[in-house]
Amino acid sequence: MKSNHKLAIALVAGVAVGGAVIQGLHAQAAPPVFVVVDISAINDPEGFKAIIPKAGPETLVPFGGKYVIRTEKITALDGTPPKRFVVIAFDSMEKAKAWKASASSKEVDVIRNKTTKSSQFLVEGM
């Protein structure tokens, strides 16, 4: 009977240690990071068209990024919707910042800043 108690204690201890290790691993995982671009007005539609070929998904691949939202089809539930809304997902803040510092991102920003009224920011996800 004593060996049954030892086995039960060992099982409980194993489950507790395993749970703590898994919890620690989850806590160490970096949350995803999103780049959000809110374009409230397009002041120069012809000039803005130059962004499309320069901001393709292939420009995100070296940084592990992917488009989550890239649309002009926005329905307001409250307030005034933007003209265009973009969300790009990255695995980490470092990758998002590396993409932001890239030549392709800077080139798109120059066009976006000249042709739109917009804002862009990084958001840590869950």
C-alpha atoms as a PDB file:
ATOM      1  CA  MET A   1       0.000   0.000   0.000  1.00  0.00           C
ATOM      2  CA  LYS A   2       2.910   2.366   0.647  1.00  0.00           C
ATOM      3  CA  SER A   3       4.087   1.938  -2.950  1.00  0.00           C
ATOM      4  CA  ASN A   4       0.615   3.039  -4.139  1.00  0.00           C
ATOM      5  CA  HIS A   5       0.957   6.245  -2.111  1.00  0.00           C
ATOM      6  CA  LYS A   6       4.436   6.871  -3.543  1.00  0.00           C
ATOM      7  CA  LEU A   7       3.103   6.324  -7.072  1.00  0.00           C
ATOM      8  CA  ALA A   8       0.192   8.695  -6.474  1.00  0.00           C
ATOM      9  CA  ILE A   9       2.493  11.378  -5.047  1.00  0.00           C
ATOM     10  CA  ALA A  10       4.889  10.957  -7.980  1.00  0.00           C
ATOM     11  CA  LEU A  11       2.011  11.311 -10.459  1.00  0.00           C
ATOM     12  CA  VAL A  12       0.659  14.444  -8.775  1.00  0.00           C
ATOM     13  CA  ALA A  13       4.141  15.965  -8.622  1.00  0.00           C
ATOM     14  CA  GLY A  14       4.752  15.115 -12.295  1.00  0.00           C
ATOM     15  CA  VAL A  15       1.498  16.745 -13.368  1.00  0.00           C
ATOM     16  CA  ALA A  16       2.258  19.862 -11.297  1.00  0.00           C
ATOM     17  CA  VAL A  17       5.792  20.211 -12.689  1.00  0.00           C
ATOM     18  CA  GLY A  18       4.573  19.567 -16.258  1.00  0.00           C
ATOM     19  CA  GLY A  19       1.850  22.188 -15.896  1.00  0.00           C
ATOM     20  CA  ALA A  20       4.334  24.740 -14.548  1.00  0.00           C
ATOM     21  CA  VAL A  21       6.755  24.103 -17.426  1.00  0.00           C
ATOM     22  CA  ILE A  22       4.026  24.458 -20.048  1.00  0.00           C
ATOM     23  CA  GLN A  23       2.764  27.642 -18.408  1.00  0.00           C
ATOM     24  CA  GLY A  24       6.306  29.035 -18.430  1.00  0.00           C
ATOM     25  CA  LEU A  25       6.745  28.232 -22.109  1.00  0.00           C
ATOM     26  CA  HIS A  26       3.487  29.973 -22.979  1.00  0.00           C
ATOM     27  CA  ALA A  27       4.551  33.019 -20.964  1.00  0.00           C
ATOM     28  CA  GLN A  28       7.833  33.221 -22.897  1.00  0.00           C
ATOM     29  CA  ALA A  29       6.210  33.194 -26.338  1.00  0.00           C
ATOM     30  CA  ALA A  30       6.296  36.660 -27.880  1.00  0.00           C
ATOM     31  CA  PRO A  31       2.874  37.993 -28.869  1.00  0.00           C
ATOM     32  CA  PRO A  32       2.238  38.716 -32.536  1.00  0.00           C
ATOM     33  CA  VAL A  33       2.652  42.310 -33.653  1.00  0.00           C
ATOM     34  CA  PHE A  34       0.420  44.124 -36.123  1.00  0.00           C
ATOM     35  CA  VAL A  35       1.154  47.132 -38.284  1.00  0.00           C
ATOM     36  CA  VAL A  36      -2.047  49.133 -38.670  1.00  0.00           C
ATOM     37  CA  VAL A  37      -2.428  51.694 -41.446  1.00  0.00           C
ATOM     38  CA  ASP A  38      -5.488  53.933 -41.295  1.00  0.00           C
ATOM     39  CA  ILE A  39      -5.907  55.977 -44.470  1.00  0.00           C
ATOM     40  CA  SER A  40      -8.618  58.515 -43.712  1.00  0.00           C
ATOM     41  CA  ALA A  41      -8.353  60.375 -47.029  1.00  0.00           C
ATOM     42  CA  ILE A  42      -6.734  59.848 -50.415  1.00  0.00           C
ATOM     43  CA  ASN A  43      -5.783  63.320 -51.653  1.00  0.00           C
ATOM     44  CA  ASP A  44      -4.167  62.195 -54.915  1.00  0.00           C
ATOM     45  CA  PRO A  45      -5.851  59.023 -56.261  1.00  0.00           C
ATOM     46  CA  GLU A  46      -3.580  58.849 -59.338  1.00  0.00           C
ATOM     47  CA  GLY A  47      -0.427  59.192 -57.260  1.00  0.00           C
ATOM     48  CA  PHE A  48      -1.744  56.679 -54.730  1.00  0.00           C
ATOM     49  CA  LYS A  49      -1.982  54.014 -57.462  1.00  0.00           C
ATOM     50  CA  ALA A  50       1.835  53.865 -57.456  1.00  0.00           C
ATOM     51  CA  ILE A  51       1.701  52.137 -54.055  1.00  0.00           C
ATOM     52  CA  ILE A  52      -0.070  48.998 -55.301  1.00  0.00           C
ATOM     53  CA  PRO A  53       2.845  47.409 -57.216  1.00  0.00           C
ATOM     54  CA  LYS A  54       5.336  48.458 -54.515  1.00  0.00           C
ATOM     55  CA  ALA A  55       3.396  47.077 -51.530  1.00  0.00           C
ATOM     56  CA  GLY A  56       2.734  43.517 -52.621  1.00  0.00           C
ATOM     57  CA  PRO A  57       2.818  40.530 -50.240  1.00  0.00           C
ATOM     58  CA  GLU A  58       6.285  39.606 -51.523  1.00  0.00           C
ATOM     59  CA  THR A  59       7.718  42.688 -49.767  1.00  0.00           C
ATOM     60  CA  LEU A  60       6.611  41.210 -46.426  1.00  0.00           C
ATOM     61  CA  VAL A  61       7.956  37.669 -46.920  1.00  0.00           C
ATOM     62  CA  PRO A  62      11.586  38.367 -45.898  1.00  0.00           C
ATOM     63  CA  PHE A  63      10.276  39.609 -42.534  1.00  0.00           C
ATOM     64  CA  GLY A  64       7.669  36.894 -41.962  1.00  0.00           C
ATOM     65  CA  GLY A  65       4.826  39.348 -42.467  1.00  0.00           C
ATOM     66  CA  LYS A  66       1.437  38.784 -44.056  1.00  0.00           C
ATOM     67  CA  TYR A  67      -1.550  40.928 -44.861  1.00  0.00           C
ATOM     68  CA  VAL A  68      -4.521  40.329 -42.579  1.00  0.00           C
ATOM     69  CA  ILE A  69      -6.639  43.206 -43.899  1.00  0.00           C
ATOM     70  CA  ARG A  70      -6.067  45.322 -47.008  1.00  0.00           C
ATOM     71  CA  THR A  71      -9.321  46.862 -48.156  1.00  0.00           C
ATOM     72  CA  GLU A  72     -11.416  49.843 -49.100  1.00  0.00           C
ATOM     73  CA  LYS A  73     -14.647  47.958 -48.350  1.00  0.00           C
ATOM     74  CA  ILE A  74     -15.421  49.350 -44.911  1.00  0.00           C
ATOM     75  CA  THR A  75     -18.855  49.697 -43.340  1.00  0.00           C
ATOM     76  CA  ALA A  76     -19.105  52.182 -40.482  1.00  0.00           C
ATOM     77  CA  LEU A  77     -20.861  51.022 -37.355  1.00  0.00           C
ATOM     78  CA  ASP A  78     -20.050  54.218 -35.490  1.00  0.00           C
ATOM     79  CA  GLY A  79     -18.187  57.298 -36.678  1.00  0.00           C
ATOM     80  CA  THR A  80     -16.538  57.956 -40.004  1.00  0.00           C
ATOM     81  CA  PRO A  81     -14.751  54.992 -41.564  1.00  0.00           C
ATOM     82  CA  PRO A  82     -11.330  55.367 -43.170  1.00  0.00           C
ATOM     83  CA  LYS A  83     -11.052  55.290 -46.978  1.00  0.00           C
ATOM     84  CA  ARG A  84      -8.630  52.363 -46.762  1.00  0.00           C
ATOM     85  CA  PHE A  85      -7.494  50.132 -43.909  1.00  0.00           C
ATOM     86  CA  VAL A  86      -4.492  47.798 -43.756  1.00  0.00           C
ATOM     87  CA  VAL A  87      -3.367  45.351 -41.070  1.00  0.00           C
ATOM     88  CA  ILE A  88      -0.119  43.405 -41.437  1.00  0.00           C
ATOM     89  CA  ALA A  89       0.827  40.601 -39.005  1.00  0.00           C
ATOM     90  CA  PHE A  90       4.375  39.822 -37.876  1.00  0.00           C
ATOM     91  CA  ASP A  91       5.698  37.208 -35.439  1.00  0.00           C
ATOM     92  CA  SER A  92       7.587  39.750 -33.349  1.00  0.00           C
ATOM     93  CA  MET A  93       8.216  43.423 -32.768  1.00  0.00           C
ATOM     94  CA  GLU A  94      11.764  42.995 -34.121  1.00  0.00           C
ATOM     95  CA  LYS A  95      10.505  41.629 -37.449  1.00  0.00           C
ATOM     96  CA  ALA A  96       7.900  44.391 -37.755  1.00  0.00           C
ATOM     97  CA  LYS A  97      10.508  47.077 -37.066  1.00  0.00           C
ATOM     98  CA  ALA A  98      12.940  45.469 -39.534  1.00  0.00           C
ATOM     99  CA  TRP A  99      10.232  45.566 -42.224  1.00  0.00           C
ATOM    100  CA  LYS A 100       9.458  49.189 -41.344  1.00  0.00           C
ATOM    101  CA  ALA A 101      13.143  50.085 -41.753  1.00  0.00           C
ATOM    102  CA  SER A 102      13.378  48.325 -45.141  1.00  0.00           C
ATOM    103  CA  ALA A 103      13.838  50.217 -48.406  1.00  0.00           C
ATOM    104  CA  SER A 104      10.533  48.928 -49.805  1.00  0.00           C
ATOM    105  CA  SER A 105       8.565  50.125 -46.769  1.00  0.00           C
ATOM    106  CA  LYS A 106      10.239  53.534 -46.855  1.00  0.00           C
ATOM    107  CA  GLU A 107       9.439  53.873 -50.561  1.00  0.00           C
ATOM    108  CA  VAL A 108       5.753  53.111 -49.927  1.00  0.00           C
ATOM    109  CA  ASP A 109       5.690  55.541 -46.984  1.00  0.00           C
ATOM    110  CA  VAL A 110       6.977  58.383 -49.168  1.00  0.00           C
ATOM    111  CA  ILE A 111       4.120  57.845 -51.643  1.00  0.00           C
ATOM    112  CA  ARG A 112       1.533  57.311 -48.881  1.00  0.00           C
ATOM    113  CA  ASN A 113       2.577  60.492 -47.074  1.00  0.00           C
ATOM    114  CA  LYS A 114       2.384  62.559 -50.295  1.00  0.00           C
ATOM    115  CA  THR A 115      -0.959  61.187 -51.493  1.00  0.00           C
ATOM    116  CA  THR A 116      -2.984  60.529 -48.323  1.00  0.00           C
ATOM    117  CA  LYS A 117      -3.954  61.714 -44.911  1.00  0.00           C
ATOM    118  CA  SER A 118      -3.068  58.639 -42.867  1.00  0.00           C
ATOM    119  CA  SER A 119      -1.551  57.182 -39.743  1.00  0.00           C
ATOM    120  CA  GLN A 120       0.472  54.043 -39.138  1.00  0.00           C
ATOM    121  CA  PHE A 121       1.289  52.311 -35.856  1.00  0.00           C
ATOM    122  CA  LEU A 122       2.458  49.047 -34.262  1.00  0.00           C
ATOM    123  CA  VAL A 123       0.131  47.070 -31.991  1.00  0.00           C
ATOM    124  CA  GLU A 124       1.087  44.103 -29.818  1.00  0.00           C
ATOM    125  CA  GLY A 125      -1.471  41.326 -30.123  1.00  0.00           C
ATOM    126  CA  MET A 126      -2.527  38.578 -27.772  1.00  0.00           C
END
